[in-house]
């Protein structure tokens, strides 16, 4: 019976050892570079794909023009006249069309924008304002403790009384909130006894 003859394979151990050493030499460079590349990719994707409403300077076009410079600046209408929930509710709220018409049923009634308000009153439809300051769903914010502590609206919303068109003044990044909670002195009244704000996760993530 004929036996099958298999070719003998000779391993060149020296060559394998040299290849292994070359791989280790390259991996010392490739591994950190790969980790850095992944980190930069995640950072870039997170930054450039964030919604516009989380970016400073965001100023959406509203259904009718509204000047805070006129109402809050020149006429000195208090912020909480229109945003009446700021001191008693988590959300500051936006004024209803009825509240706008408290003045505009007599003032500037010939303006096409005021006529639009009147038509909304007649139809019972709300004004569909576009939110300017919009936190992500996983972040919890309550206006009440900030307003009752004496923090001015301008601290977060900017010099609202000078804005013809409202834009987002403060970044919605967590670092901005934590920075103020850790060093709130500049945002508080001079006679305030508050030294720090809460920093535990449950304060803002519930």
N, C-alpha and C. Protein backbone atom coordinates (compact mmCIF):
# COMPACT_ATOMS: atom_id res chain seq x y z
N UNK A 1 0.85 -1.20 0.00
CA UNK A 1 0.00 0.00 0.00
C UNK A 1 0.89 1.25 0.00
N UNK A 2 0.58 2.13 -0.94
CA UNK A 2 1.37 3.37 -1.02
C UNK A 2 0.96 4.33 0.08
N UNK A 3 1.97 4.91 0.64
CA UNK A 3 1.71 5.92 1.67
C UNK A 3 1.72 7.32 1.03
N UNK A 4 0.76 8.13 1.51
CA UNK A 4 0.72 9.50 1.02
C UNK A 4 1.89 10.29 1.59
N UNK A 5 2.51 10.99 0.73
CA UNK A 5 3.67 11.80 1.16
C UNK A 5 3.24 13.25 1.33
N UNK A 6 3.38 13.75 2.52
CA UNK A 6 3.05 15.15 2.81
C UNK A 6 4.33 15.99 2.81
N UNK A 7 4.26 17.14 2.21
CA UNK A 7 5.46 17.99 2.23
C UNK A 7 5.74 18.49 3.64
N UNK A 8 6.99 18.53 3.94
CA UNK A 8 7.39 19.00 5.25
C UNK A 8 7.41 20.54 5.27
N UNK A 9 6.75 21.11 6.29
CA UNK A 9 6.70 22.56 6.42
C UNK A 9 7.70 22.98 7.49
N UNK A 10 8.59 23.79 7.10
CA UNK A 10 9.62 24.25 8.04
C UNK A 10 9.28 25.68 8.46
N UNK A 11 9.13 25.85 9.74
CA UNK A 11 8.81 27.17 10.28
C UNK A 11 10.09 27.95 10.54
N UNK A 12 10.09 29.16 10.01
CA UNK A 12 11.23 30.04 10.25
C UNK A 12 10.91 30.88 11.48
N UNK A 13 11.30 30.39 12.65
CA UNK A 13 10.96 31.05 13.90
C UNK A 13 11.56 32.46 13.98
N UNK A 14 12.70 32.62 13.42
CA UNK A 14 13.35 33.94 13.46
C UNK A 14 12.50 34.98 12.74
N UNK A 15 11.93 34.55 11.59
CA UNK A 15 11.10 35.47 10.82
C UNK A 15 9.83 35.82 11.60
N UNK A 16 9.22 34.81 12.24
CA UNK A 16 7.99 35.07 13.02
C UNK A 16 8.27 35.98 14.20
N UNK A 17 9.40 35.77 14.85
CA UNK A 17 9.75 36.61 15.98
C UNK A 17 9.97 38.06 15.54
N UNK A 18 10.61 38.22 14.36
CA UNK A 18 10.83 39.57 13.84
C UNK A 18 9.52 40.25 13.49
N UNK A 19 8.59 39.47 12.90
CA UNK A 19 7.28 40.04 12.56
C UNK A 19 6.53 40.45 13.81
N UNK A 20 6.61 39.61 14.85
CA UNK A 20 5.94 39.94 16.11
C UNK A 20 6.49 41.20 16.73
N UNK A 21 7.80 41.35 16.66
CA UNK A 21 8.41 42.56 17.22
C UNK A 21 7.99 43.81 16.43
N UNK A 22 7.89 43.66 15.10
CA UNK A 22 7.44 44.78 14.28
C UNK A 22 6.00 45.16 14.60
N UNK A 23 5.16 44.12 14.81
CA UNK A 23 3.75 44.39 15.15
C UNK A 23 3.64 45.14 16.47
N UNK A 24 4.43 44.70 17.46
CA UNK A 24 4.40 45.38 18.76
C UNK A 24 4.89 46.83 18.64
N UNK A 25 5.90 47.01 17.80
CA UNK A 25 6.42 48.36 17.62
C UNK A 25 5.36 49.27 16.98
N UNK A 26 4.64 48.74 15.97
CA UNK A 26 3.60 49.53 15.33
C UNK A 26 2.41 49.76 16.26
N UNK A 27 2.08 48.73 17.08
CA UNK A 27 0.90 48.85 17.94
C UNK A 27 1.07 49.93 19.00
N UNK A 28 2.30 50.20 19.39
CA UNK A 28 2.54 51.27 20.36
C UNK A 28 2.12 52.63 19.81
N UNK A 29 2.15 52.75 18.50
CA UNK A 29 1.70 53.97 17.86
C UNK A 29 0.24 53.89 17.42
N UNK A 30 -0.12 52.73 16.85
CA UNK A 30 -1.46 52.59 16.27
C UNK A 30 -2.56 52.58 17.32
N UNK A 31 -2.33 51.92 18.45
CA UNK A 31 -3.38 51.81 19.47
C UNK A 31 -3.76 53.17 20.04
N UNK A 32 -2.80 53.98 20.52
CA UNK A 32 -3.20 55.33 21.01
C UNK A 32 -3.81 56.19 19.91
N UNK A 33 -3.25 56.06 18.67
CA UNK A 33 -3.80 56.86 17.57
C UNK A 33 -5.23 56.46 17.26
N UNK A 34 -5.54 55.17 17.34
CA UNK A 34 -6.90 54.70 17.08
C UNK A 34 -7.86 55.19 18.15
N UNK A 35 -7.43 55.11 19.41
CA UNK A 35 -8.28 55.60 20.51
C UNK A 35 -8.54 57.09 20.35
N UNK A 36 -7.52 57.86 20.00
CA UNK A 36 -7.67 59.30 19.81
C UNK A 36 -8.61 59.60 18.65
N UNK A 37 -8.49 58.83 17.56
CA UNK A 37 -9.34 59.03 16.39
C UNK A 37 -10.81 58.77 16.72
N UNK A 38 -11.07 57.69 17.49
CA UNK A 38 -12.44 57.38 17.89
C UNK A 38 -13.00 58.50 18.77
N UNK A 39 -12.19 58.98 19.71
CA UNK A 39 -12.64 60.06 20.61
C UNK A 39 -12.96 61.32 19.83
N UNK A 40 -12.09 61.71 18.88
CA UNK A 40 -12.32 62.91 18.09
C UNK A 40 -13.54 62.76 17.19
N UNK A 41 -13.76 61.55 16.69
CA UNK A 41 -14.94 61.31 15.85
C UNK A 41 -16.22 61.48 16.65
N UNK A 42 -16.26 60.88 17.85
CA UNK A 42 -17.44 61.01 18.71
C UNK A 42 -17.68 62.46 19.08
N UNK A 43 -16.59 63.18 19.40
CA UNK A 43 -16.70 64.59 19.78
C UNK A 43 -17.23 65.42 18.62
N UNK A 44 -16.71 65.17 17.42
CA UNK A 44 -17.12 65.94 16.25
C UNK A 44 -18.58 65.67 15.89
N UNK A 45 -18.97 64.40 15.94
CA UNK A 45 -20.36 64.05 15.62
C UNK A 45 -21.31 64.69 16.63
N UNK A 46 -20.94 64.62 17.92
CA UNK A 46 -21.79 65.22 18.95
C UNK A 46 -21.92 66.72 18.81
N UNK A 47 -20.84 67.37 18.41
CA UNK A 47 -20.86 68.84 18.30
C UNK A 47 -21.62 69.30 17.07
N UNK A 48 -21.33 68.70 15.93
CA UNK A 48 -21.89 69.21 14.68
C UNK A 48 -23.31 68.72 14.40
N UNK A 49 -23.77 67.72 15.14
CA UNK A 49 -25.14 67.24 14.92
C UNK A 49 -26.10 67.71 16.01
N UNK A 50 -25.64 68.54 16.93
CA UNK A 50 -26.55 69.02 17.97
C UNK A 50 -27.60 69.94 17.33
N UNK A 51 -28.82 69.87 17.86
CA UNK A 51 -29.87 70.73 17.29
C UNK A 51 -29.51 72.21 17.41
N UNK A 52 -29.98 73.00 16.46
CA UNK A 52 -29.72 74.44 16.48
C UNK A 52 -30.21 75.09 17.76
N UNK A 53 -31.26 74.53 18.35
CA UNK A 53 -31.86 75.15 19.53
C UNK A 53 -30.99 75.01 20.78
N UNK A 54 -29.86 74.27 20.71
CA UNK A 54 -28.95 74.18 21.85
C UNK A 54 -27.75 75.11 21.68
N UNK A 55 -27.74 75.92 20.63
CA UNK A 55 -26.57 76.72 20.27
C UNK A 55 -26.79 78.19 20.64
N UNK A 56 -25.76 78.82 21.16
CA UNK A 56 -25.84 80.25 21.46
C UNK A 56 -26.08 81.04 20.19
N UNK A 57 -26.94 82.06 20.28
CA UNK A 57 -27.26 82.87 19.12
C UNK A 57 -28.46 82.38 18.34
N UNK A 58 -29.03 81.27 18.77
CA UNK A 58 -30.21 80.72 18.08
C UNK A 58 -31.37 81.71 18.21
N UNK A 59 -31.94 82.12 17.09
CA UNK A 59 -33.04 83.10 17.08
C UNK A 59 -34.05 82.72 16.02
N UNK A 60 -34.98 81.82 16.33
CA UNK A 60 -35.95 81.39 15.32
C UNK A 60 -36.91 82.51 14.93
N UNK A 61 -37.38 82.45 13.71
CA UNK A 61 -38.36 83.44 13.26
C UNK A 61 -39.71 83.13 13.89
N UNK A 62 -40.33 84.13 14.50
CA UNK A 62 -41.59 83.95 15.20
C UNK A 62 -42.77 84.23 14.27
N UNK A 63 -43.97 83.74 14.62
CA UNK A 63 -45.14 83.95 13.74
C UNK A 63 -45.51 85.42 13.55
N UNK A 64 -45.24 86.23 14.56
CA UNK A 64 -45.34 87.69 14.40
C UNK A 64 -44.14 88.32 15.10
N UNK A 65 -43.64 89.44 14.62
CA UNK A 65 -42.48 90.06 15.28
C UNK A 65 -42.88 90.61 16.66
N UNK A 66 -42.00 90.41 17.62
CA UNK A 66 -42.24 90.92 18.97
C UNK A 66 -40.94 91.53 19.48
N UNK A 67 -40.99 92.77 19.91
CA UNK A 67 -39.81 93.49 20.36
C UNK A 67 -39.74 93.53 21.88
N UNK A 68 -38.77 92.81 22.45
CA UNK A 68 -38.54 92.94 23.88
C UNK A 68 -37.91 94.30 24.20
N UNK A 69 -37.20 94.86 23.23
CA UNK A 69 -36.61 96.20 23.44
C UNK A 69 -37.71 97.22 23.74
N UNK A 70 -38.81 97.11 23.02
CA UNK A 70 -39.93 98.03 23.23
C UNK A 70 -40.68 97.70 24.51
N UNK A 71 -41.09 96.44 24.66
CA UNK A 71 -41.98 96.09 25.76
C UNK A 71 -41.25 96.04 27.11
N UNK A 72 -40.11 95.32 27.16
CA UNK A 72 -39.38 95.20 28.43
C UNK A 72 -38.44 96.37 28.66
N UNK A 73 -37.96 97.00 27.56
CA UNK A 73 -37.01 98.09 27.69
C UNK A 73 -37.68 99.44 27.80
N UNK A 74 -38.24 99.91 26.69
CA UNK A 74 -38.84 101.25 26.68
C UNK A 74 -40.05 101.36 27.60
N UNK A 75 -40.97 100.39 27.50
CA UNK A 75 -42.21 100.45 28.30
C UNK A 75 -42.04 99.88 29.71
N UNK A 76 -40.92 99.19 29.94
CA UNK A 76 -40.59 98.64 31.27
C UNK A 76 -41.68 97.70 31.81
N UNK A 77 -42.24 96.91 30.96
CA UNK A 77 -43.21 95.90 31.41
C UNK A 77 -42.44 94.80 32.13
N UNK A 78 -42.78 94.48 33.37
CA UNK A 78 -42.04 93.44 34.12
C UNK A 78 -42.10 92.09 33.40
N UNK A 79 -41.01 91.37 33.49
CA UNK A 79 -40.94 90.06 32.81
C UNK A 79 -42.08 89.15 33.22
N UNK A 80 -42.42 89.16 34.51
CA UNK A 80 -43.42 88.21 35.01
C UNK A 80 -44.85 88.62 34.69
N UNK A 81 -45.04 89.78 34.08
CA UNK A 81 -46.39 90.09 33.61
C UNK A 81 -46.75 89.14 32.47
N UNK A 82 -45.80 88.92 31.57
CA UNK A 82 -46.05 88.00 30.46
C UNK A 82 -45.66 86.56 30.81
N UNK A 83 -44.54 86.40 31.50
CA UNK A 83 -44.05 85.06 31.87
C UNK A 83 -44.42 84.81 33.33
N UNK A 84 -45.70 84.67 33.56
CA UNK A 84 -46.25 84.68 34.93
C UNK A 84 -45.94 83.41 35.71
N UNK A 85 -45.45 82.37 35.08
CA UNK A 85 -45.17 81.13 35.80
C UNK A 85 -43.78 81.07 36.40
N UNK A 86 -42.94 82.05 36.14
CA UNK A 86 -41.53 81.95 36.52
C UNK A 86 -41.32 81.75 38.02
N UNK A 87 -42.11 82.41 38.85
CA UNK A 87 -41.92 82.34 40.30
C UNK A 87 -42.76 81.26 40.96
N UNK A 88 -43.72 80.70 40.24
CA UNK A 88 -44.66 79.75 40.87
C UNK A 88 -44.71 78.40 40.17
N UNK A 89 -43.93 78.24 39.11
CA UNK A 89 -44.00 77.02 38.34
C UNK A 89 -42.63 76.66 37.80
N UNK A 90 -42.50 75.41 37.41
CA UNK A 90 -41.23 74.99 36.82
C UNK A 90 -40.94 75.77 35.54
N UNK A 91 -41.96 76.01 34.73
CA UNK A 91 -41.79 76.71 33.47
C UNK A 91 -42.28 78.15 33.58
N UNK A 92 -41.52 79.06 32.97
CA UNK A 92 -41.91 80.47 33.02
C UNK A 92 -43.20 80.71 32.24
N UNK A 93 -43.41 79.95 31.15
CA UNK A 93 -44.62 80.09 30.35
C UNK A 93 -44.52 81.22 29.35
N UNK A 94 -45.39 81.18 28.39
CA UNK A 94 -45.49 82.26 27.41
C UNK A 94 -46.89 82.86 27.50
N UNK A 95 -47.03 84.14 27.20
CA UNK A 95 -48.34 84.77 27.38
C UNK A 95 -49.36 84.25 26.37
N UNK A 96 -50.58 84.16 26.82
CA UNK A 96 -51.66 83.80 25.91
C UNK A 96 -52.00 84.98 25.01
N UNK A 97 -52.71 84.71 23.94
CA UNK A 97 -53.15 85.79 23.05
C UNK A 97 -54.04 86.77 23.81
N UNK A 98 -54.83 86.26 24.74
CA UNK A 98 -55.70 87.13 25.53
C UNK A 98 -54.91 88.16 26.32
N UNK A 99 -53.75 87.73 26.85
CA UNK A 99 -52.94 88.68 27.62
C UNK A 99 -52.38 89.77 26.72
N UNK A 100 -51.97 89.40 25.51
CA UNK A 100 -51.49 90.41 24.56
C UNK A 100 -52.59 91.43 24.27
N UNK A 101 -53.81 90.94 24.16
CA UNK A 101 -54.93 91.81 23.81
C UNK A 101 -55.40 92.67 24.97
N UNK A 102 -54.89 92.43 26.18
CA UNK A 102 -55.21 93.32 27.29
C UNK A 102 -54.82 94.76 26.94
N UNK A 103 -53.69 94.89 26.26
CA UNK A 103 -53.26 96.22 25.81
C UNK A 103 -53.68 96.49 24.37
N UNK A 104 -53.54 95.47 23.53
CA UNK A 104 -53.68 95.71 22.10
C UNK A 104 -55.13 95.69 21.60
N UNK A 105 -56.05 95.53 22.51
CA UNK A 105 -57.44 95.76 22.10
C UNK A 105 -57.68 97.26 21.90
N UNK A 106 -56.78 98.08 22.49
CA UNK A 106 -56.88 99.53 22.36
C UNK A 106 -55.66 100.16 21.68
N UNK A 107 -54.54 99.44 21.69
CA UNK A 107 -53.28 100.01 21.21
C UNK A 107 -52.87 99.38 19.88
N UNK A 108 -52.53 100.21 18.92
CA UNK A 108 -52.05 99.76 17.61
C UNK A 108 -53.01 98.77 16.95
N UNK A 109 -54.27 99.02 17.04
CA UNK A 109 -55.26 98.09 16.51
C UNK A 109 -55.25 98.02 14.98
N UNK A 110 -54.64 99.02 14.34
CA UNK A 110 -54.59 99.01 12.88
C UNK A 110 -53.40 98.24 12.33
N UNK A 111 -52.50 97.75 13.21
CA UNK A 111 -51.34 96.98 12.77
C UNK A 111 -51.77 95.62 12.24
N UNK A 112 -51.21 95.16 11.12
CA UNK A 112 -51.58 93.83 10.60
C UNK A 112 -51.24 92.71 11.57
N UNK A 113 -50.19 92.91 12.38
CA UNK A 113 -49.83 91.88 13.35
C UNK A 113 -50.85 91.81 14.49
N UNK A 114 -51.34 92.96 14.89
CA UNK A 114 -52.36 92.98 15.95
C UNK A 114 -53.68 92.42 15.40
N UNK A 115 -53.95 92.68 14.13
CA UNK A 115 -55.14 92.09 13.53
C UNK A 115 -55.05 90.57 13.51
N UNK A 116 -53.82 90.07 13.34
CA UNK A 116 -53.64 88.62 13.39
C UNK A 116 -53.95 88.09 14.79
N UNK A 117 -53.52 88.84 15.81
CA UNK A 117 -53.85 88.46 17.19
C UNK A 117 -55.37 88.44 17.38
N UNK A 118 -56.04 89.45 16.87
CA UNK A 118 -57.50 89.52 17.01
C UNK A 118 -58.19 88.36 16.30
N UNK A 119 -57.66 87.98 15.15
CA UNK A 119 -58.26 86.85 14.43
C UNK A 119 -58.06 85.54 15.18
N UNK A 120 -56.93 85.41 15.86
CA UNK A 120 -56.70 84.21 16.67
C UNK A 120 -57.66 84.16 17.85
N UNK A 121 -57.91 85.32 18.45
CA UNK A 121 -58.89 85.39 19.54
C UNK A 121 -60.25 84.94 19.04
N UNK A 122 -60.64 85.40 17.88
CA UNK A 122 -61.95 85.07 17.33
C UNK A 122 -62.08 83.59 17.01
N UNK A 123 -60.97 82.99 16.55
CA UNK A 123 -61.02 81.58 16.16
C UNK A 123 -60.76 80.63 17.33
N UNK A 124 -60.22 81.18 18.43
CA UNK A 124 -59.90 80.35 19.58
C UNK A 124 -58.60 79.58 19.43
N UNK A 125 -57.80 79.92 18.42
CA UNK A 125 -56.53 79.23 18.20
C UNK A 125 -55.41 79.91 18.98
N UNK A 126 -54.43 79.14 19.44
CA UNK A 126 -53.30 79.74 20.16
C UNK A 126 -52.26 80.29 19.20
N UNK A 127 -51.43 81.18 19.70
CA UNK A 127 -50.29 81.66 18.92
C UNK A 127 -49.19 80.61 19.04
N UNK A 128 -48.65 80.17 17.92
CA UNK A 128 -47.64 79.12 17.92
C UNK A 128 -46.24 79.73 17.94
N UNK A 129 -45.88 80.25 19.13
CA UNK A 129 -44.54 80.80 19.30
C UNK A 129 -43.51 79.68 19.21
N UNK A 130 -42.31 80.00 18.75
CA UNK A 130 -41.23 79.03 18.67
C UNK A 130 -40.29 79.21 19.86
N UNK A 131 -40.04 78.11 20.54
CA UNK A 131 -39.20 78.15 21.74
C UNK A 131 -37.77 78.55 21.37
N UNK A 132 -37.21 79.45 22.16
CA UNK A 132 -35.84 79.89 21.94
C UNK A 132 -34.87 79.10 22.81
N UNK A 133 -35.16 79.03 24.10
CA UNK A 133 -34.31 78.29 25.05
C UNK A 133 -34.93 76.92 25.26
N UNK A 134 -34.27 75.91 24.75
CA UNK A 134 -34.85 74.57 24.73
C UNK A 134 -33.85 73.55 25.27
N UNK A 135 -34.10 73.05 26.46
CA UNK A 135 -33.23 72.04 27.05
C UNK A 135 -33.55 70.66 26.49
N UNK A 136 -32.57 69.77 26.44
CA UNK A 136 -32.87 68.39 26.04
C UNK A 136 -33.77 67.72 27.07
N UNK A 137 -34.46 66.66 26.65
CA UNK A 137 -35.46 66.02 27.50
C UNK A 137 -34.88 65.45 28.79
N UNK A 138 -33.61 65.06 28.78
CA UNK A 138 -33.02 64.43 29.96
C UNK A 138 -32.57 65.44 31.01
N UNK A 139 -32.70 66.73 30.72
CA UNK A 139 -32.29 67.76 31.67
C UNK A 139 -33.53 68.39 32.32
N UNK A 140 -33.48 68.53 33.64
CA UNK A 140 -34.60 69.10 34.40
C UNK A 140 -34.20 70.49 34.89
N UNK A 141 -35.07 71.45 34.63
CA UNK A 141 -34.82 72.82 35.10
C UNK A 141 -36.11 73.38 35.67
N UNK A 142 -35.99 74.02 36.83
CA UNK A 142 -37.14 74.63 37.49
C UNK A 142 -36.85 76.11 37.69
N UNK A 143 -37.72 76.98 37.14
CA UNK A 143 -37.51 78.42 37.29
C UNK A 143 -37.67 78.88 38.74
N UNK A 144 -38.54 78.23 39.49
CA UNK A 144 -38.91 78.73 40.83
C UNK A 144 -37.72 78.99 41.75
N UNK A 145 -36.84 78.01 42.01
CA UNK A 145 -35.76 78.30 42.96
C UNK A 145 -34.81 79.39 42.48
N UNK A 146 -34.66 79.53 41.19
CA UNK A 146 -33.76 80.55 40.66
C UNK A 146 -34.37 81.95 40.80
N UNK A 147 -35.65 82.06 40.47
CA UNK A 147 -36.32 83.37 40.56
C UNK A 147 -36.47 83.80 42.02
N UNK A 148 -36.89 82.89 42.89
CA UNK A 148 -37.09 83.24 44.31
C UNK A 148 -35.76 83.52 45.01
N UNK A 149 -34.65 83.01 44.46
CA UNK A 149 -33.33 83.31 45.04
C UNK A 149 -32.85 84.70 44.66
N UNK A 150 -33.56 85.34 43.73
CA UNK A 150 -33.20 86.70 43.34
C UNK A 150 -32.32 86.76 42.10
N UNK A 151 -32.18 85.65 41.41
CA UNK A 151 -31.37 85.66 40.18
C UNK A 151 -32.16 86.36 39.08
N UNK A 152 -31.55 87.34 38.45
CA UNK A 152 -32.23 88.11 37.41
C UNK A 152 -32.39 87.28 36.13
N UNK A 153 -33.44 87.57 35.39
CA UNK A 153 -33.67 86.89 34.12
C UNK A 153 -32.48 87.06 33.18
N UNK A 154 -31.84 88.25 33.25
CA UNK A 154 -30.74 88.56 32.34
C UNK A 154 -29.52 87.67 32.57
N UNK A 155 -29.43 87.03 33.73
CA UNK A 155 -28.28 86.17 34.01
C UNK A 155 -28.18 85.04 33.00
N UNK A 156 -29.31 84.45 32.69
CA UNK A 156 -29.33 83.34 31.73
C UNK A 156 -29.79 83.76 30.35
N UNK A 157 -30.72 84.71 30.29
CA UNK A 157 -31.33 85.09 29.02
C UNK A 157 -30.65 86.29 28.35
N UNK A 158 -29.65 86.87 29.00
CA UNK A 158 -28.98 88.03 28.42
C UNK A 158 -29.77 89.31 28.65
N UNK A 159 -29.29 90.40 28.11
CA UNK A 159 -29.94 91.70 28.28
C UNK A 159 -31.19 91.75 27.41
N UNK A 160 -32.20 91.05 27.88
CA UNK A 160 -33.42 90.84 27.11
C UNK A 160 -34.12 92.16 26.78
N UNK A 161 -33.97 93.15 27.64
CA UNK A 161 -34.65 94.43 27.45
C UNK A 161 -34.03 95.25 26.32
N UNK A 162 -32.91 94.78 25.76
CA UNK A 162 -32.28 95.48 24.64
C UNK A 162 -32.44 94.72 23.32
N UNK A 163 -33.09 93.56 23.36
CA UNK A 163 -33.17 92.70 22.17
C UNK A 163 -34.42 93.00 21.34
N UNK A 164 -34.20 93.35 20.09
CA UNK A 164 -35.32 93.48 19.17
C UNK A 164 -35.85 92.09 18.81
N UNK A 165 -34.93 91.18 18.58
CA UNK A 165 -35.27 89.77 18.34
C UNK A 165 -34.55 88.95 19.39
N UNK A 166 -35.27 88.14 20.12
CA UNK A 166 -34.66 87.35 21.20
C UNK A 166 -33.81 86.23 20.62
N UNK A 167 -32.60 86.10 21.13
CA UNK A 167 -31.72 85.00 20.75
C UNK A 167 -31.21 84.32 22.01
N UNK A 168 -30.74 83.12 21.84
CA UNK A 168 -30.24 82.36 22.99
C UNK A 168 -28.91 82.94 23.44
N UNK A 169 -28.86 83.36 24.69
CA UNK A 169 -27.68 84.03 25.22
C UNK A 169 -26.69 83.04 25.82
N UNK A 170 -27.19 82.08 26.56
CA UNK A 170 -26.33 81.15 27.29
C UNK A 170 -26.32 79.79 26.60
N UNK A 171 -25.16 79.17 26.59
CA UNK A 171 -25.08 77.81 26.06
C UNK A 171 -25.82 76.86 26.99
N UNK A 172 -26.43 75.83 26.41
CA UNK A 172 -27.15 74.84 27.20
C UNK A 172 -26.26 73.72 27.70
N UNK A 173 -24.95 73.91 27.61
CA UNK A 173 -24.01 72.90 28.08
C UNK A 173 -24.06 72.77 29.60
N UNK A 174 -23.87 71.55 30.10
CA UNK A 174 -23.95 71.29 31.53
C UNK A 174 -22.89 72.09 32.31
N UNK A 175 -21.74 72.31 31.69
CA UNK A 175 -20.66 73.02 32.38
C UNK A 175 -21.08 74.42 32.78
N UNK A 176 -21.92 75.07 32.00
CA UNK A 176 -22.37 76.42 32.35
C UNK A 176 -23.22 76.41 33.61
N UNK A 177 -24.12 75.43 33.69
CA UNK A 177 -24.98 75.33 34.87
C UNK A 177 -24.15 74.99 36.11
N UNK A 178 -23.24 74.03 35.98
CA UNK A 178 -22.41 73.64 37.13
C UNK A 178 -21.49 74.77 37.57
N UNK A 179 -21.00 75.54 36.60
CA UNK A 179 -20.14 76.66 36.96
C UNK A 179 -20.84 77.66 37.84
N UNK A 180 -22.11 77.93 37.53
CA UNK A 180 -22.88 78.88 38.34
C UNK A 180 -23.26 78.27 39.68
N UNK A 181 -23.58 76.98 39.72
CA UNK A 181 -23.92 76.33 40.98
C UNK A 181 -22.73 76.31 41.94
N UNK A 182 -21.53 76.21 41.39
CA UNK A 182 -20.34 76.15 42.24
C UNK A 182 -19.88 77.54 42.68
N UNK A 183 -20.10 78.54 41.83
CA UNK A 183 -19.71 79.92 42.14
C UNK A 183 -20.89 80.85 41.82
N UNK A 184 -21.94 80.82 42.67
CA UNK A 184 -23.15 81.60 42.34
C UNK A 184 -23.11 83.06 42.77
N UNK A 185 -22.03 83.49 43.36
CA UNK A 185 -21.97 84.83 43.96
C UNK A 185 -22.35 85.93 42.98
N UNK A 186 -21.83 85.86 41.76
CA UNK A 186 -22.06 86.93 40.78
C UNK A 186 -23.50 86.98 40.31
N UNK A 187 -24.23 85.86 40.43
CA UNK A 187 -25.61 85.81 39.95
C UNK A 187 -26.62 86.16 41.03
N UNK A 188 -26.20 86.17 42.28
CA UNK A 188 -27.12 86.37 43.40
C UNK A 188 -27.08 87.81 43.92
N UNK A 189 -28.15 88.23 44.59
CA UNK A 189 -28.12 89.55 45.25
C UNK A 189 -27.01 89.60 46.30
N UNK A 190 -26.53 90.80 46.57
CA UNK A 190 -25.40 90.96 47.48
C UNK A 190 -25.68 90.42 48.88
N UNK A 191 -26.95 90.48 49.32
CA UNK A 191 -27.28 90.05 50.69
C UNK A 191 -27.75 88.59 50.75
N UNK A 192 -27.57 87.85 49.67
CA UNK A 192 -28.02 86.46 49.65
C UNK A 192 -27.13 85.59 50.53
N UNK A 193 -27.76 84.63 51.21
CA UNK A 193 -27.00 83.70 52.06
C UNK A 193 -26.65 82.41 51.35
N UNK A 194 -27.02 82.28 50.10
CA UNK A 194 -26.74 81.05 49.34
C UNK A 194 -25.28 81.02 48.94
N UNK A 195 -24.61 79.91 49.27
CA UNK A 195 -23.19 79.77 48.96
C UNK A 195 -22.93 78.93 47.72
N UNK A 196 -23.73 77.88 47.55
CA UNK A 196 -23.58 76.98 46.40
C UNK A 196 -24.93 76.42 46.01
N UNK A 197 -25.05 75.99 44.77
CA UNK A 197 -26.24 75.29 44.31
C UNK A 197 -25.99 73.79 44.34
N UNK A 198 -27.04 72.98 44.23
CA UNK A 198 -26.85 71.52 44.25
C UNK A 198 -26.04 71.06 43.05
N UNK A 199 -25.21 70.04 43.30
CA UNK A 199 -24.37 69.49 42.23
C UNK A 199 -24.61 68.00 42.01
N UNK A 200 -25.48 67.40 42.81
CA UNK A 200 -25.73 65.97 42.64
C UNK A 200 -26.56 65.73 41.36
N UNK A 201 -26.42 64.55 40.81
CA UNK A 201 -27.02 64.25 39.50
C UNK A 201 -28.52 64.44 39.50
N UNK A 202 -29.17 64.06 40.61
CA UNK A 202 -30.64 64.09 40.64
C UNK A 202 -31.21 65.51 40.62
N UNK A 203 -30.37 66.50 40.83
CA UNK A 203 -30.85 67.88 40.78
C UNK A 203 -31.30 68.26 39.38
N UNK A 204 -30.64 67.74 38.38
CA UNK A 204 -30.95 68.12 36.99
C UNK A 204 -31.35 66.95 36.09
N UNK A 205 -31.18 65.73 36.59
CA UNK A 205 -31.52 64.55 35.79
C UNK A 205 -32.45 63.67 36.61
N UNK A 206 -33.76 63.75 36.31
CA UNK A 206 -34.76 63.04 37.11
C UNK A 206 -35.58 62.10 36.25
